[in-house]
Amino acid sequence: MQPRFPSGRLVVAVLLASVALWAVMVFGTLAHLRALAGGLDPFDVRPFGYSAAEAEDLLAALGREGRRFYARVQLRLDTVYPMTYVLSRGLLMWWLTKPARLGQLEVPFGGRVALVGLPLVAMIFDYWENACIAAMLATGAAAKLVATASAATQVKSLAGALTEVIAIGLAGIALYARWRGRPGA
């Protein structure tokens, strides 16, 4: 009998944990930061990046207490989130592309590995973004630092968006294959 790793239950459990942590950040800490900054979006949720002037405006609007909250609360949560993201989406991609799960569509082993690599890219750039944000919170919005942080935010956002779109597409194909009675579902 072929091993069933990862099991569907494991995939769902890890995915739910990741989504729960995301929700805590989006509706909790990031919303609080947005309120502290008078409606300005925190760095983490600016998928198209930001300029040095925009970074300076955000840092000024946050003030000392807002920067402290960003560093001590949001960035600590965002130290855990990228790992839950890569684990949940990597397991999901691997599970969805299991042979026969997509009906007639077969994803070769190399393609499966590449799909798992996409959330890994998002994680790496999320950690890089976090390091840059921490430096900006501590030292200010130096132009080179902001450019690096902004680029990391953009790559993280693109890799994350591609991961989500591909996962939703693969899930749709898998559901359709299952509905059509194809083997492996």
C-alpha atoms as a PDB file:
ATOM      1  CA  MET A   1       0.000   0.000   0.000  1.00  0.00           C
ATOM      2  CA  GLN A   2       1.304   3.446  -0.966  1.00  0.00           C
ATOM      3  CA  PRO A   3       2.047   5.837   1.921  1.00  0.00           C
ATOM      4  CA  ARG A   4      -0.505   8.627   2.263  1.00  0.00           C
ATOM      5  CA  PHE A   5       1.743  11.499   3.271  1.00  0.00           C
ATOM      6  CA  PRO A   6       0.594  14.081   3.655  1.00  0.00           C
ATOM      7  CA  SER A   7      -2.862  13.044   4.711  1.00  0.00           C
ATOM      8  CA  GLY A   8      -5.750  15.305   3.846  1.00  0.00           C
ATOM      9  CA  ARG A   9      -6.427  15.842   7.546  1.00  0.00           C
ATOM     10  CA  LEU A  10      -2.862  17.006   8.176  1.00  0.00           C
ATOM     11  CA  VAL A  11      -3.037  19.377   5.209  1.00  0.00           C
ATOM     12  CA  VAL A  12      -6.321  20.870   6.434  1.00  0.00           C
ATOM     13  CA  ALA A  13      -5.087  21.197  10.042  1.00  0.00           C
ATOM     14  CA  VAL A  14      -1.881  22.994   9.066  1.00  0.00           C
ATOM     15  CA  LEU A  15      -3.764  25.167   6.569  1.00  0.00           C
ATOM     16  CA  LEU A  16      -6.308  26.177   9.232  1.00  0.00           C
ATOM     17  CA  ALA A  17      -3.512  27.053  11.690  1.00  0.00           C
ATOM     18  CA  SER A  18      -1.835  29.230   9.073  1.00  0.00           C
ATOM     19  CA  VAL A  19      -5.084  30.972   8.124  1.00  0.00           C
ATOM     20  CA  ALA A  20      -5.883  31.550  11.813  1.00  0.00           C
ATOM     21  CA  LEU A  21      -2.506  33.221  12.410  1.00  0.00           C
ATOM     22  CA  TRP A  22      -2.977  35.294   9.238  1.00  0.00           C
ATOM     23  CA  ALA A  23      -6.402  36.421  10.519  1.00  0.00           C
ATOM     24  CA  VAL A  24      -4.946  37.413  13.904  1.00  0.00           C
ATOM     25  CA  MET A  25      -2.400  39.574  12.139  1.00  0.00           C
ATOM     26  CA  VAL A  26      -4.697  41.106   9.503  1.00  0.00           C
ATOM     27  CA  PHE A  27      -7.671  41.782  11.759  1.00  0.00           C
ATOM     28  CA  GLY A  28      -5.642  42.300  14.945  1.00  0.00           C
ATOM     29  CA  THR A  29      -2.104  43.601  14.898  1.00  0.00           C
ATOM     30  CA  LEU A  30      -2.010  45.055  11.380  1.00  0.00           C
ATOM     31  CA  ALA A  31      -5.423  46.697  11.855  1.00  0.00           C
ATOM     32  CA  HIS A  32      -4.159  48.161  15.138  1.00  0.00           C
ATOM     33  CA  LEU A  33      -1.054  49.495  13.394  1.00  0.00           C
ATOM     34  CA  ARG A  34      -3.218  51.011  10.644  1.00  0.00           C
ATOM     35  CA  ALA A  35      -5.308  52.756  13.312  1.00  0.00           C
ATOM     36  CA  LEU A  36      -2.204  54.018  15.132  1.00  0.00           C
ATOM     37  CA  ALA A  37      -0.883  55.379  11.828  1.00  0.00           C
ATOM     38  CA  GLY A  38      -4.069  57.298  11.052  1.00  0.00           C
ATOM     39  CA  GLY A  39      -5.149  54.907   8.296  1.00  0.00           C
ATOM     40  CA  LEU A  40      -1.768  54.384   6.618  1.00  0.00           C
ATOM     41  CA  ASP A  41      -1.093  50.765   5.681  1.00  0.00           C
ATOM     42  CA  PRO A  42       1.777  49.006   7.485  1.00  0.00           C
ATOM     43  CA  PHE A  43       4.723  47.919   5.349  1.00  0.00           C
ATOM     44  CA  ASP A  44       3.640  44.260   5.339  1.00  0.00           C
ATOM     45  CA  VAL A  45       0.406  44.961   3.451  1.00  0.00           C
ATOM     46  CA  ARG A  46       1.737  47.141   0.644  1.00  0.00           C
ATOM     47  CA  PRO A  47       2.095  44.561  -2.149  1.00  0.00           C
ATOM     48  CA  PHE A  48       3.333  47.141  -4.663  1.00  0.00           C
ATOM     49  CA  GLY A  49       6.016  48.413  -2.312  1.00  0.00           C
ATOM     50  CA  TYR A  50       6.640  51.907  -1.001  1.00  0.00           C
ATOM     51  CA  SER A  51       8.964  54.839  -1.449  1.00  0.00           C
ATOM     52  CA  ALA A  52      11.312  56.360   1.104  1.00  0.00           C
ATOM     53  CA  ALA A  53       8.865  59.247   1.564  1.00  0.00           C
ATOM     54  CA  GLU A  54       5.987  56.819   2.189  1.00  0.00           C
ATOM     55  CA  ALA A  55       8.129  54.895   4.683  1.00  0.00           C
ATOM     56  CA  GLU A  56       9.033  58.121   6.499  1.00  0.00           C
ATOM     57  CA  ASP A  57       5.359  59.122   6.616  1.00  0.00           C
ATOM     58  CA  LEU A  58       4.378  55.770   8.109  1.00  0.00           C
ATOM     59  CA  LEU A  59       7.150  55.829  10.696  1.00  0.00           C
ATOM     60  CA  ALA A  60       6.238  59.389  11.709  1.00  0.00           C
ATOM     61  CA  ALA A  61       2.529  58.537  11.905  1.00  0.00           C
ATOM     62  CA  LEU A  62       3.234  55.455  14.040  1.00  0.00           C
ATOM     63  CA  GLY A  63       5.251  57.435  16.554  1.00  0.00           C
ATOM     64  CA  ARG A  64       7.414  55.824  19.190  1.00  0.00           C
ATOM     65  CA  GLU A  65       4.659  53.658  20.681  1.00  0.00           C
ATOM     66  CA  GLY A  66       3.465  52.449  17.265  1.00  0.00           C
ATOM     67  CA  ARG A  67       6.995  51.537  16.201  1.00  0.00           C
ATOM     68  CA  ARG A  68       7.444  49.688  19.488  1.00  0.00           C
ATOM     69  CA  PHE A  69       4.175  47.744  18.926  1.00  0.00           C
ATOM     70  CA  TYR A  70       5.233  46.950  15.356  1.00  0.00           C
ATOM     71  CA  ALA A  71       8.582  45.586  16.532  1.00  0.00           C
ATOM     72  CA  ARG A  72       7.445  43.777  19.664  1.00  0.00           C
ATOM     73  CA  VAL A  73       4.083  42.372  18.588  1.00  0.00           C
ATOM     74  CA  GLN A  74       3.604  42.342  14.809  1.00  0.00           C
ATOM     75  CA  LEU A  75       7.134  41.320  13.875  1.00  0.00           C
ATOM     76  CA  ARG A  76       7.147  38.584  16.520  1.00  0.00           C
ATOM     77  CA  LEU A  77       3.943  37.110  15.087  1.00  0.00           C
ATOM     78  CA  ASP A  78       5.412  37.525  11.617  1.00  0.00           C
ATOM     79  CA  THR A  79       8.384  35.465  12.709  1.00  0.00           C
ATOM     80  CA  VAL A  80       6.077  32.458  13.073  1.00  0.00           C
ATOM     81  CA  TYR A  81       3.708  33.134  10.165  1.00  0.00           C
ATOM     82  CA  PRO A  82       6.124  32.627   7.225  1.00  0.00           C
ATOM     83  CA  MET A  83       6.997  29.156   8.516  1.00  0.00           C
ATOM     84  CA  THR A  84       3.322  28.214   8.898  1.00  0.00           C
ATOM     85  CA  TYR A  85       2.712  29.624   5.417  1.00  0.00           C
ATOM     86  CA  VAL A  86       5.416  27.590   3.703  1.00  0.00           C
ATOM     87  CA  LEU A  87       4.460  24.442   5.600  1.00  0.00           C
ATOM     88  CA  SER A  88       0.729  24.762   4.912  1.00  0.00           C
ATOM     89  CA  ARG A  89       0.984  25.765   1.267  1.00  0.00           C
ATOM     90  CA  GLY A  90       3.844  23.371   0.550  1.00  0.00           C
ATOM     91  CA  LEU A  91       1.875  20.452   1.984  1.00  0.00           C
ATOM     92  CA  LEU A  92      -1.222  21.601   0.101  1.00  0.00           C
ATOM     93  CA  MET A  93       0.640  21.807  -3.228  1.00  0.00           C
ATOM     94  CA  TRP A  94       2.238  18.406  -2.670  1.00  0.00           C
ATOM     95  CA  TRP A  95      -1.091  16.839  -1.683  1.00  0.00           C
ATOM     96  CA  LEU A  96      -3.018  18.387  -4.579  1.00  0.00           C
ATOM     97  CA  THR A  97      -0.474  17.200  -7.142  1.00  0.00           C
ATOM     98  CA  LYS A  98      -0.335  13.626  -5.900  1.00  0.00           C
ATOM     99  CA  PRO A  99      -0.490  11.260  -8.903  1.00  0.00           C
ATOM    100  CA  ALA A 100      -4.080  10.733 -10.114  1.00  0.00           C
ATOM    101  CA  ARG A 101      -5.529  13.414  -7.797  1.00  0.00           C
ATOM    102  CA  LEU A 102      -5.940  15.815 -10.727  1.00  0.00           C
ATOM    103  CA  GLY A 103      -7.580  13.239 -12.985  1.00  0.00           C
ATOM    104  CA  GLN A 104      -5.861  13.128 -16.366  1.00  0.00           C
ATOM    105  CA  LEU A 105      -3.543  15.991 -15.485  1.00  0.00           C
ATOM    106  CA  GLU A 106      -0.269  14.638 -14.143  1.00  0.00           C
ATOM    107  CA  VAL A 107       2.288  16.988 -12.621  1.00  0.00           C
ATOM    108  CA  PRO A 108       5.807  15.584 -13.007  1.00  0.00           C
ATOM    109  CA  PHE A 109       7.973  15.270  -9.904  1.00  0.00           C
ATOM    110  CA  GLY A 110      10.056  18.323 -10.870  1.00  0.00           C
ATOM    111  CA  GLY A 111       6.888  20.373 -11.299  1.00  0.00           C
ATOM    112  CA  ARG A 112       5.685  19.280  -7.889  1.00  0.00           C
ATOM    113  CA  VAL A 113       8.975  20.362  -6.328  1.00  0.00           C
ATOM    114  CA  ALA A 114       8.776  23.719  -8.143  1.00  0.00           C
ATOM    115  CA  LEU A 115       5.245  24.263  -6.847  1.00  0.00           C
ATOM    116  CA  VAL A 116       6.428  23.612  -3.280  1.00  0.00           C
ATOM    117  CA  GLY A 117       9.289  26.050  -3.934  1.00  0.00           C
ATOM    118  CA  LEU A 118       6.899  28.929  -4.618  1.00  0.00           C
ATOM    119  CA  PRO A 119       5.710  29.346  -1.003  1.00  0.00           C
ATOM    120  CA  LEU A 120       9.338  28.848   0.047  1.00  0.00           C
ATOM    121  CA  VAL A 121      10.252  31.951  -1.977  1.00  0.00           C
ATOM    122  CA  ALA A 122       7.429  33.844  -0.246  1.00  0.00           C
ATOM    123  CA  MET A 123       8.783  32.760   3.147  1.00  0.00           C
ATOM    124  CA  ILE A 124      12.376  33.770   2.390  1.00  0.00           C
ATOM    125  CA  PHE A 125      11.345  37.229   1.205  1.00  0.00           C
ATOM    126  CA  ASP A 126       8.933  37.639   4.127  1.00  0.00           C
ATOM    127  CA  TYR A 127      11.816  37.069   6.545  1.00  0.00           C
ATOM    128  CA  TRP A 128      13.995  39.474   4.560  1.00  0.00           C
ATOM    129  CA  GLU A 129      11.178  42.040   4.613  1.00  0.00           C
ATOM    130  CA  ASN A 130      10.823  41.591   8.396  1.00  0.00           C
ATOM    131  CA  ALA A 131      14.537  42.169   8.957  1.00  0.00           C
ATOM    132  CA  CYS A 132      14.383  45.365   6.911  1.00  0.00           C
ATOM    133  CA  ILE A 133      11.244  46.569   8.702  1.00  0.00           C
ATOM    134  CA  ALA A 134      12.915  45.954  12.061  1.00  0.00           C
ATOM    135  CA  ALA A 135      15.889  48.013  10.918  1.00  0.00           C
ATOM    136  CA  MET A 136      13.630  50.846   9.706  1.00  0.00           C
ATOM    137  CA  LEU A 137      11.723  50.845  12.977  1.00  0.00           C
ATOM    138  CA  ALA A 138      15.002  51.149  14.868  1.00  0.00           C
ATOM    139  CA  THR A 139      17.010  53.494  12.631  1.00  0.00           C
ATOM    140  CA  GLY A 140      14.638  55.257  10.256  1.00  0.00           C
ATOM    141  CA  ALA A 141      13.855  55.184   6.570  1.00  0.00           C
ATOM    142  CA  ALA A 142      17.251  55.321   4.876  1.00  0.00           C
ATOM    143  CA  ALA A 143      16.749  55.222   1.100  1.00  0.00           C
ATOM    144  CA  LYS A 144      18.746  52.015   0.469  1.00  0.00           C
ATOM    145  CA  LEU A 145      17.062  50.200   3.345  1.00  0.00           C
ATOM    146  CA  VAL A 146      13.600  51.243   2.161  1.00  0.00           C
ATOM    147  CA  ALA A 147      14.381  50.152  -1.406  1.00  0.00           C
ATOM    148  CA  THR A 148      15.504  46.738  -0.145  1.00  0.00           C
ATOM    149  CA  ALA A 149      12.485  46.372   2.143  1.00  0.00           C
ATOM    150  CA  SER A 150      10.101  47.448  -0.617  1.00  0.00           C
ATOM    151  CA  ALA A 151      11.613  44.969  -3.083  1.00  0.00           C
ATOM    152  CA  ALA A 152      11.324  42.163  -0.507  1.00  0.00           C
ATOM    153  CA  THR A 153       7.684  43.089   0.115  1.00  0.00           C
ATOM    154  CA  GLN A 154       6.937  43.030  -3.610  1.00  0.00           C
ATOM    155  CA  VAL A 155       8.599  39.645  -4.220  1.00  0.00           C
ATOM    156  CA  LYS A 156       6.916  38.167  -1.117  1.00  0.00           C
ATOM    157  CA  SER A 157       3.555  39.465  -2.293  1.00  0.00           C
ATOM    158  CA  LEU A 158       3.984  38.163  -5.841  1.00  0.00           C
ATOM    159  CA  ALA A 159       5.155  34.708  -4.711  1.00  0.00           C
ATOM    160  CA  GLY A 160       2.288  34.536  -2.211  1.00  0.00           C
ATOM    161  CA  ALA A 161      -0.301  35.612  -4.781  1.00  0.00           C
ATOM    162  CA  LEU A 162       0.969  33.063  -7.322  1.00  0.00           C
ATOM    163  CA  THR A 163       0.915  30.371  -4.642  1.00  0.00           C
ATOM    164  CA  GLU A 164      -2.694  31.140  -3.727  1.00  0.00           C
ATOM    165  CA  VAL A 165      -3.915  31.349  -7.346  1.00  0.00           C
ATOM    166  CA  ILE A 166      -2.201  28.084  -8.307  1.00  0.00           C
ATOM    167  CA  ALA A 167      -3.460  26.312  -5.165  1.00  0.00           C
ATOM    168  CA  ILE A 168      -7.028  27.443  -5.840  1.00  0.00           C
ATOM    169  CA  GLY A 169      -6.738  26.351  -9.468  1.00  0.00           C
ATOM    170  CA  LEU A 170      -5.333  22.944  -8.522  1.00  0.00           C
ATOM    171  CA  ALA A 171      -8.028  22.506  -5.865  1.00  0.00           C
ATOM    172  CA  GLY A 172     -10.654  23.287  -8.486  1.00  0.00           C
ATOM    173  CA  ILE A 173      -9.192  20.730 -10.874  1.00  0.00           C
ATOM    174  CA  ALA A 174      -8.999  18.117  -8.091  1.00  0.00           C
ATOM    175  CA  LEU A 175     -12.617  18.744  -7.093  1.00  0.00           C
ATOM    176  CA  TYR A 176     -13.732  18.511 -10.699  1.00  0.00           C
ATOM    177  CA  ALA A 177     -11.790  15.252 -11.164  1.00  0.00           C
ATOM    178  CA  ARG A 178     -13.366  13.853  -8.025  1.00  0.00           C
ATOM    179  CA  TRP A 179     -16.834  14.967  -9.107  1.00  0.00           C
ATOM    180  CA  ARG A 180     -16.295  13.299 -12.486  1.00  0.00           C
ATOM    181  CA  GLY A 181     -15.374  10.072 -10.683  1.00  0.00           C
ATOM    182  CA  ARG A 182     -11.754   9.978 -11.701  1.00  0.00           C
ATOM    183  CA  PRO A 183      -9.459   7.640  -9.726  1.00  0.00           C
ATOM    184  CA  GLY A 184      -7.109   8.959  -7.057  1.00  0.00           C
ATOM    185  CA  ALA A 185      -9.383  11.522  -5.524  1.00  0.00           C
END
